[in-house]
Amino acid sequence: MTNILLAFSIPVILLTGALIWSYFIEKESRQAKKKNKK
């Protein structure tokens, strides 16, 4: 049972981390674009 939970939770955690990471990168790039425009 524990193995099943681990096998399921690890990809979910990685996916969530990737989504949050990409969101922050997008946010930073948007701010940079705004600064460059002025």
N, C-alpha and C. Protein backbone atom coordinates (compact mmCIF):
# COMPACT_ATOMS: atom_id res chain seq x y z
N MET A 1 0.84 -1.21 0.00
CA MET A 1 0.00 0.00 0.00
C MET A 1 0.88 1.26 0.00
N THR A 2 1.91 1.26 0.82
CA THR A 2 2.80 2.42 0.89
C THR A 2 3.49 2.64 -0.45
N ASN A 3 3.89 1.55 -1.08
CA ASN A 3 4.58 1.65 -2.38
C ASN A 3 3.67 2.30 -3.42
N ILE A 4 2.39 1.93 -3.41
CA ILE A 4 1.43 2.50 -4.37
C ILE A 4 1.31 4.01 -4.13
N LEU A 5 1.20 4.40 -2.87
CA LEU A 5 1.09 5.83 -2.54
C LEU A 5 2.32 6.58 -3.00
N LEU A 6 3.50 6.02 -2.75
CA LEU A 6 4.75 6.66 -3.18
C LEU A 6 4.80 6.79 -4.70
N ALA A 7 4.48 5.70 -5.39
CA ALA A 7 4.52 5.70 -6.85
C ALA A 7 3.56 6.73 -7.42
N PHE A 8 2.46 7.00 -6.73
CA PHE A 8 1.48 7.97 -7.22
C PHE A 8 1.84 9.39 -6.82
N SER A 9 2.33 9.56 -5.59
CA SER A 9 2.59 10.92 -5.07
C SER A 9 3.81 11.57 -5.71
N ILE A 10 4.85 10.80 -6.00
CA ILE A 10 6.09 11.38 -6.55
C ILE A 10 5.83 12.10 -7.87
N PRO A 11 5.18 11.48 -8.88
CA PRO A 11 4.89 12.19 -10.14
C PRO A 11 4.01 13.41 -9.92
N VAL A 12 3.05 13.30 -9.01
CA VAL A 12 2.15 14.42 -8.74
C VAL A 12 2.94 15.60 -8.16
N ILE A 13 3.83 15.32 -7.23
CA ILE A 13 4.66 16.37 -6.62
C ILE A 13 5.54 17.02 -7.68
N LEU A 14 6.15 16.19 -8.53
CA LEU A 14 7.01 16.71 -9.60
C LEU A 14 6.21 17.58 -10.55
N LEU A 15 5.01 17.13 -10.91
CA LEU A 15 4.16 17.88 -11.84
C LEU A 15 3.77 19.22 -11.22
N THR A 16 3.37 19.20 -9.95
CA THR A 16 2.99 20.44 -9.26
C THR A 16 4.17 21.40 -9.20
N GLY A 17 5.34 20.87 -8.88
CA GLY A 17 6.54 21.69 -8.81
C GLY A 17 6.86 22.31 -10.16
N ALA A 18 6.70 21.52 -11.22
CA ALA A 18 6.98 22.03 -12.57
C ALA A 18 6.00 23.14 -12.94
N LEU A 19 4.73 22.97 -12.59
CA LEU A 19 3.72 23.99 -12.89
C LEU A 19 4.04 25.29 -12.15
N ILE A 20 4.34 25.19 -10.86
CA ILE A 20 4.67 26.38 -10.06
C ILE A 20 5.92 27.05 -10.61
N TRP A 21 6.93 26.25 -10.95
CA TRP A 21 8.20 26.77 -11.49
C TRP A 21 7.96 27.54 -12.77
N SER A 22 7.19 26.92 -13.70
CA SER A 22 6.92 27.57 -14.99
C SER A 22 6.10 28.84 -14.78
N TYR A 23 5.19 28.83 -13.80
CA TYR A 23 4.38 30.02 -13.51
C TYR A 23 5.27 31.17 -13.04
N PHE A 24 6.22 30.88 -12.16
CA PHE A 24 7.12 31.92 -11.66
C PHE A 24 8.01 32.44 -12.78
N ILE A 25 8.51 31.56 -13.63
CA ILE A 25 9.36 31.98 -14.76
C ILE A 25 8.56 32.91 -15.68
N GLU A 26 7.31 32.54 -15.95
CA GLU A 26 6.46 33.36 -16.82
C GLU A 26 6.25 34.73 -16.19
N LYS A 27 6.00 34.75 -14.88
CA LYS A 27 5.79 36.00 -14.15
C LYS A 27 7.02 36.89 -14.26
N GLU A 28 8.20 36.31 -14.05
CA GLU A 28 9.46 37.06 -14.12
C GLU A 28 9.68 37.60 -15.53
N SER A 29 9.43 36.78 -16.54
CA SER A 29 9.66 37.21 -17.93
C SER A 29 8.70 38.33 -18.29
N ARG A 30 7.46 38.27 -17.79
CA ARG A 30 6.49 39.34 -18.05
C ARG A 30 6.97 40.65 -17.45
N GLN A 31 7.47 40.59 -16.22
CA GLN A 31 7.97 41.80 -15.56
C GLN A 31 9.15 42.37 -16.34
N ALA A 32 10.02 41.51 -16.83
CA ALA A 32 11.19 41.94 -17.60
C ALA A 32 10.74 42.63 -18.88
N LYS A 33 9.72 42.07 -19.53
CA LYS A 33 9.20 42.67 -20.76
C LYS A 33 8.65 44.06 -20.47
N LYS A 34 7.91 44.18 -19.36
CA LYS A 34 7.35 45.49 -18.99
C LYS A 34 8.46 46.50 -18.75
N LYS A 35 9.51 46.09 -18.07
CA LYS A 35 10.64 46.98 -17.79
C LYS A 35 11.31 47.43 -19.09
N ASN A 36 11.47 46.50 -20.02
CA ASN A 36 12.12 46.83 -21.30
C ASN A 36 11.29 47.80 -22.13
N LYS A 37 9.97 47.69 -22.03
CA LYS A 37 9.09 48.58 -22.83
C LYS A 37 9.22 50.03 -22.37
N LYS A 38 8.88 50.28 -21.10
CA LYS A 38 8.87 51.64 -20.52
C LYS A 38 8.18 52.63 -21.47
